[in-house]
Amino acid sequence: MTKRNKIAQHERIAQYMMTGKVEEVLDIHDTFAKTDMAKTMYRLPAYIHCIKKDGGIVKTFKNGRDVVAYQLLNPNDFSTEGRYVGKQSQ
């Protein structure tokens, strides 16, 4: 198994959501507006899907059909780099 040094874009989103608080979509866009991810923020739902596929539990807050916020419900299962590591043994 090889180690990756580069952090994937969905892992950057997971890093941002590691507080476990509700993160509004506009705040996420504003945070990454000045980074190299600014051009790909239209793919935010795809990044959230990748986080879910890795094992993250993400709650979606909607206003009608529009998604207004996301919340990562299991931030303790992620490393500081935003990679899913699973439940830690106690």
Protein backbone atom coordinates (compact mmCIF):
# COMPACT_ATOMS: atom_id res chain seq x y z
CA MET A 1 0.00 0.00 0.00
CA THR A 2 1.41 3.38 -0.97
CA LYS A 3 1.01 6.56 1.02
CA ARG A 4 -0.29 9.68 -0.62
CA ASN A 5 1.32 12.96 0.28
CA LYS A 6 -1.17 15.11 -1.59
CA ILE A 7 -4.50 15.78 0.11
CA ALA A 8 -7.51 15.10 -2.12
CA GLN A 9 -10.09 17.84 -2.53
CA HIS A 10 -12.82 15.98 -0.65
CA GLU A 11 -10.34 15.50 2.19
CA ARG A 12 -9.85 19.27 2.35
CA ILE A 13 -13.60 19.67 2.72
CA ALA A 14 -13.56 17.01 5.47
CA GLN A 15 -10.77 18.94 7.24
CA TYR A 16 -12.92 22.07 7.16
CA MET A 17 -15.93 20.19 8.56
CA MET A 18 -13.96 18.50 11.37
CA THR A 19 -15.44 20.80 14.02
CA GLY A 20 -18.73 18.92 13.80
CA LYS A 21 -20.64 22.19 13.58
CA VAL A 22 -23.21 23.04 10.92
CA GLU A 23 -21.32 24.56 7.97
CA GLU A 24 -23.34 26.67 5.55
CA VAL A 25 -22.70 26.16 1.85
CA LEU A 26 -21.93 29.85 1.31
CA ASP A 27 -19.35 29.78 4.13
CA ILE A 28 -17.68 26.77 2.54
CA HIS A 29 -17.56 28.55 -0.82
CA ASP A 30 -16.15 31.72 0.80
CA THR A 31 -13.49 29.77 2.69
CA PHE A 32 -12.15 28.08 -0.44
CA ALA A 33 -12.65 31.11 -2.74
CA LYS A 34 -9.02 32.22 -2.49
CA THR A 35 -7.49 28.75 -2.85
CA ASP A 36 -6.82 26.52 -5.83
CA MET A 37 -10.19 24.85 -5.19
CA ALA A 38 -12.16 27.98 -6.12
CA LYS A 39 -12.79 26.80 -9.67
CA THR A 40 -14.13 23.42 -8.56
CA MET A 41 -16.53 24.44 -5.79
CA TYR A 42 -19.46 23.71 -8.10
CA ARG A 43 -18.58 20.06 -7.33
CA LEU A 44 -19.26 20.42 -3.60
CA PRO A 45 -22.07 17.80 -3.64
CA ALA A 46 -19.67 15.36 -5.32
CA TYR A 47 -17.06 16.00 -2.61
CA ILE A 48 -19.69 15.43 0.09
CA HIS A 49 -20.60 12.17 -1.64
CA CYS A 50 -16.93 11.09 -1.54
CA ILE A 51 -16.81 11.84 2.19
CA LYS A 52 -19.91 9.69 2.68
CA LYS A 53 -18.44 6.93 0.52
CA ASP A 54 -15.27 6.92 2.63
CA GLY A 55 -17.32 6.38 5.78
CA GLY A 56 -18.33 9.86 6.91
CA ILE A 57 -21.83 10.58 8.14
CA VAL A 58 -22.94 13.92 6.72
CA LYS A 59 -26.24 15.53 7.62
CA THR A 60 -27.79 17.78 4.97
CA PHE A 61 -29.90 20.81 5.83
CA LYS A 62 -32.35 21.93 3.15
CA ASN A 63 -34.63 24.85 2.45
CA GLY A 64 -37.13 23.30 0.08
CA ARG A 65 -35.02 21.67 -2.63
CA ASP A 66 -31.94 23.81 -2.01
CA VAL A 67 -29.16 22.54 0.25
CA VAL A 68 -28.13 25.30 2.65
CA ALA A 69 -25.74 23.54 5.04
CA TYR A 70 -23.84 20.34 5.85
CA GLN A 71 -22.72 18.81 9.14
CA LEU A 72 -20.16 16.06 9.65
CA LEU A 73 -21.58 13.88 12.41
CA ASN A 74 -18.55 11.66 13.02
CA PRO A 75 -15.50 13.97 12.93
CA ASN A 76 -13.61 11.76 15.42
CA ASP A 77 -13.36 9.05 12.75
CA PHE A 78 -11.16 11.27 10.55
CA SER A 79 -7.46 12.05 10.83
CA THR A 80 -6.19 15.63 10.97
CA GLU A 81 -5.49 15.38 7.22
CA GLY A 82 -9.18 14.72 6.57
CA ARG A 83 -8.75 11.02 5.78
CA TYR A 84 -11.22 8.50 7.15
CA VAL A 85 -9.52 6.19 9.63
CA GLY A 86 -12.57 4.57 11.20
CA LYS A 87 -13.47 4.19 14.83
CA GLN A 88 -10.50 4.41 17.15
CA SER A 89 -10.14 1.61 19.69
CA GLN A 90 -10.39 2.74 23.28
